[in-house]
């Protein structure tokens, strides 16, 4: 019995897990070691975060642009909106706390 085309295997999940693990360890190691200047470290963290998001979407959510592009675009747009809300809300709270503590 053959598997249908596009079915993800245990090897695919393991590959996604290893990539996600590596993309998590890299920013922690850069910050811990202090090997790069602050701006380069921030850029590396952002690049690793975007790459990890793409790894999760491909290996775990099984989103690709070969199946139904409209649904994939909607899922990507929803993920981007959630990320903007989380990051924006966090920055808003942190700056408000800084203003209240120092002002």
C-alpha atoms as a PDB file:
ATOM      1  CA  UNK A   1       0.000   0.000   0.000  1.00  0.00           C
ATOM      2  CA  UNK A   2       1.496   3.312  -1.062  1.00  0.00           C
ATOM      3  CA  UNK A   3       1.225   6.556   0.827  1.00  0.00           C
ATOM      4  CA  UNK A   4      -0.472   9.448  -0.945  1.00  0.00           C
ATOM      5  CA  UNK A   5       1.838  12.071  -2.409  1.00  0.00           C
ATOM      6  CA  UNK A   6       2.607  14.896  -0.014  1.00  0.00           C
ATOM      7  CA  UNK A   7       2.203  12.805   3.154  1.00  0.00           C
ATOM      8  CA  UNK A   8       4.739  13.803   5.758  1.00  0.00           C
ATOM      9  CA  UNK A   9       6.767  11.058   7.393  1.00  0.00           C
ATOM     10  CA  UNK A  10       8.498  10.708  10.734  1.00  0.00           C
ATOM     11  CA  UNK A  11      11.723  11.736   9.002  1.00  0.00           C
ATOM     12  CA  UNK A  12      10.062  14.982   7.930  1.00  0.00           C
ATOM     13  CA  UNK A  13       8.900  15.724  11.484  1.00  0.00           C
ATOM     14  CA  UNK A  14      12.339  14.895  12.849  1.00  0.00           C
ATOM     15  CA  UNK A  15      13.957  17.215  10.301  1.00  0.00           C
ATOM     16  CA  UNK A  16      11.578  20.002  11.333  1.00  0.00           C
ATOM     17  CA  UNK A  17      12.289  19.379  15.002  1.00  0.00           C
ATOM     18  CA  UNK A  18      16.063  19.479  14.508  1.00  0.00           C
ATOM     19  CA  UNK A  19      15.847  22.664  12.433  1.00  0.00           C
ATOM     20  CA  UNK A  20      13.599  24.313  15.039  1.00  0.00           C
ATOM     21  CA  UNK A  21      15.983  23.269  17.797  1.00  0.00           C
ATOM     22  CA  UNK A  22      18.994  24.707  15.945  1.00  0.00           C
ATOM     23  CA  UNK A  23      17.116  27.928  15.192  1.00  0.00           C
ATOM     24  CA  UNK A  24      16.306  28.231  18.907  1.00  0.00           C
ATOM     25  CA  UNK A  25      19.831  27.533  20.127  1.00  0.00           C
ATOM     26  CA  UNK A  26      21.536  30.017  17.766  1.00  0.00           C
ATOM     27  CA  UNK A  27      19.998  33.211  19.289  1.00  0.00           C
ATOM     28  CA  UNK A  28      20.511  31.960  22.851  1.00  0.00           C
ATOM     29  CA  UNK A  29      24.164  31.169  22.097  1.00  0.00           C
ATOM     30  CA  UNK A  30      24.751  34.551  20.449  1.00  0.00           C
ATOM     31  CA  UNK A  31      23.321  36.428  23.420  1.00  0.00           C
ATOM     32  CA  UNK A  32      25.086  34.232  25.975  1.00  0.00           C
ATOM     33  CA  UNK A  33      28.478  34.484  24.282  1.00  0.00           C
ATOM     34  CA  UNK A  34      28.184  38.171  23.427  1.00  0.00           C
ATOM     35  CA  UNK A  35      30.196  37.441  20.294  1.00  0.00           C
ATOM     36  CA  UNK A  36      28.487  40.024  18.092  1.00  0.00           C
ATOM     37  CA  UNK A  37      27.627  43.695  18.542  1.00  0.00           C
ATOM     38  CA  UNK A  38      24.126  44.379  19.845  1.00  0.00           C
ATOM     39  CA  UNK A  39      22.631  45.366  16.475  1.00  0.00           C
ATOM     40  CA  UNK A  40      24.096  42.321  14.710  1.00  0.00           C
ATOM     41  CA  UNK A  41      22.748  40.096  17.494  1.00  0.00           C
ATOM     42  CA  UNK A  42      19.279  41.614  17.125  1.00  0.00           C
ATOM     43  CA  UNK A  43      19.364  41.086  13.363  1.00  0.00           C
ATOM     44  CA  UNK A  44      20.463  37.470  13.862  1.00  0.00           C
ATOM     45  CA  UNK A  45      17.599  36.914  16.322  1.00  0.00           C
ATOM     46  CA  UNK A  46      15.044  38.331  13.880  1.00  0.00           C
ATOM     47  CA  UNK A  47      16.407  36.238  11.000  1.00  0.00           C
ATOM     48  CA  UNK A  48      16.330  33.096  13.153  1.00  0.00           C
ATOM     49  CA  UNK A  49      12.766  33.877  14.275  1.00  0.00           C
ATOM     50  CA  UNK A  50      11.528  34.313  10.704  1.00  0.00           C
ATOM     51  CA  UNK A  51      13.331  31.158   9.594  1.00  0.00           C
ATOM     52  CA  UNK A  52      11.839  29.242  12.521  1.00  0.00           C
ATOM     53  CA  UNK A  53       8.376  30.477  11.645  1.00  0.00           C
ATOM     54  CA  UNK A  54       8.835  29.201   8.089  1.00  0.00           C
ATOM     55  CA  UNK A  55      10.146  25.847   9.361  1.00  0.00           C
ATOM     56  CA  UNK A  56       7.113  25.448  11.620  1.00  0.00           C
ATOM     57  CA  UNK A  57       4.718  26.383   8.850  1.00  0.00           C
ATOM     58  CA  UNK A  58       6.247  23.918   6.392  1.00  0.00           C
ATOM     59  CA  UNK A  59       7.167  20.932   8.546  1.00  0.00           C
ATOM     60  CA  UNK A  60       4.438  21.018  11.217  1.00  0.00           C
ATOM     61  CA  UNK A  61       1.507  22.925   9.725  1.00  0.00           C
ATOM     62  CA  UNK A  62       2.141  21.458   6.254  1.00  0.00           C
ATOM     63  CA  UNK A  63       1.638  24.787   4.500  1.00  0.00           C
ATOM     64  CA  UNK A  64       3.106  25.072   1.044  1.00  0.00           C
ATOM     65  CA  UNK A  65       2.150  26.977  -2.061  1.00  0.00           C
ATOM     66  CA  UNK A  66       1.397  23.912  -4.190  1.00  0.00           C
ATOM     67  CA  UNK A  67      -1.923  22.945  -2.625  1.00  0.00           C
ATOM     68  CA  UNK A  68      -4.445  25.710  -1.951  1.00  0.00           C
ATOM     69  CA  UNK A  69      -2.636  29.042  -2.145  1.00  0.00           C
ATOM     70  CA  UNK A  70      -5.610  31.056  -0.880  1.00  0.00           C
ATOM     71  CA  UNK A  71      -5.852  29.120   2.382  1.00  0.00           C
ATOM     72  CA  UNK A  72      -2.092  29.271   2.860  1.00  0.00           C
ATOM     73  CA  UNK A  73      -2.042  33.034   2.322  1.00  0.00           C
ATOM     74  CA  UNK A  74      -4.854  33.463   4.845  1.00  0.00           C
ATOM     75  CA  UNK A  75      -2.981  31.345   7.402  1.00  0.00           C
ATOM     76  CA  UNK A  76       0.209  33.337   6.767  1.00  0.00           C
ATOM     77  CA  UNK A  77      -1.655  36.645   7.090  1.00  0.00           C
ATOM     78  CA  UNK A  78      -3.262  35.474  10.344  1.00  0.00           C
ATOM     79  CA  UNK A  79       0.148  34.453  11.718  1.00  0.00           C
ATOM     80  CA  UNK A  80       1.611  37.841  10.761  1.00  0.00           C
ATOM     81  CA  UNK A  81      -1.277  39.692  12.433  1.00  0.00           C
ATOM     82  CA  UNK A  82      -0.854  37.649  15.617  1.00  0.00           C
ATOM     83  CA  UNK A  83       2.884  38.270  15.681  1.00  0.00           C
ATOM     84  CA  UNK A  84       2.359  42.011  15.191  1.00  0.00           C
ATOM     85  CA  UNK A  85      -0.198  42.094  18.008  1.00  0.00           C
ATOM     86  CA  UNK A  86       2.091  40.173  20.363  1.00  0.00           C
ATOM     87  CA  UNK A  87       5.237  42.148  19.568  1.00  0.00           C
ATOM     88  CA  UNK A  88       3.420  45.489  19.459  1.00  0.00           C
ATOM     89  CA  UNK A  89       1.598  44.810  22.717  1.00  0.00           C
ATOM     90  CA  UNK A  90       4.788  43.719  24.428  1.00  0.00           C
ATOM     91  CA  UNK A  91       6.646  46.841  23.295  1.00  0.00           C
ATOM     92  CA  UNK A  92       3.721  49.037  24.338  1.00  0.00           C
ATOM     93  CA  UNK A  93       3.658  47.496  27.826  1.00  0.00           C
ATOM     94  CA  UNK A  94       7.436  47.706  28.246  1.00  0.00           C
ATOM     95  CA  UNK A  95       7.641  51.347  27.149  1.00  0.00           C
ATOM     96  CA  UNK A  96       4.669  52.241  29.358  1.00  0.00           C
ATOM     97  CA  UNK A  97       6.319  50.551  32.333  1.00  0.00           C
ATOM     98  CA  UNK A  98       9.574  52.353  31.609  1.00  0.00           C
ATOM     99  CA  UNK A  99       7.731  55.701  31.409  1.00  0.00           C
ATOM    100  CA  UNK A 100       5.890  55.067  34.682  1.00  0.00           C
ATOM    101  CA  UNK A 101       9.012  53.887  36.528  1.00  0.00           C
ATOM    102  CA  UNK A 102      11.404  56.559  35.257  1.00  0.00           C
ATOM    103  CA  UNK A 103       9.013  59.453  34.668  1.00  0.00           C
END
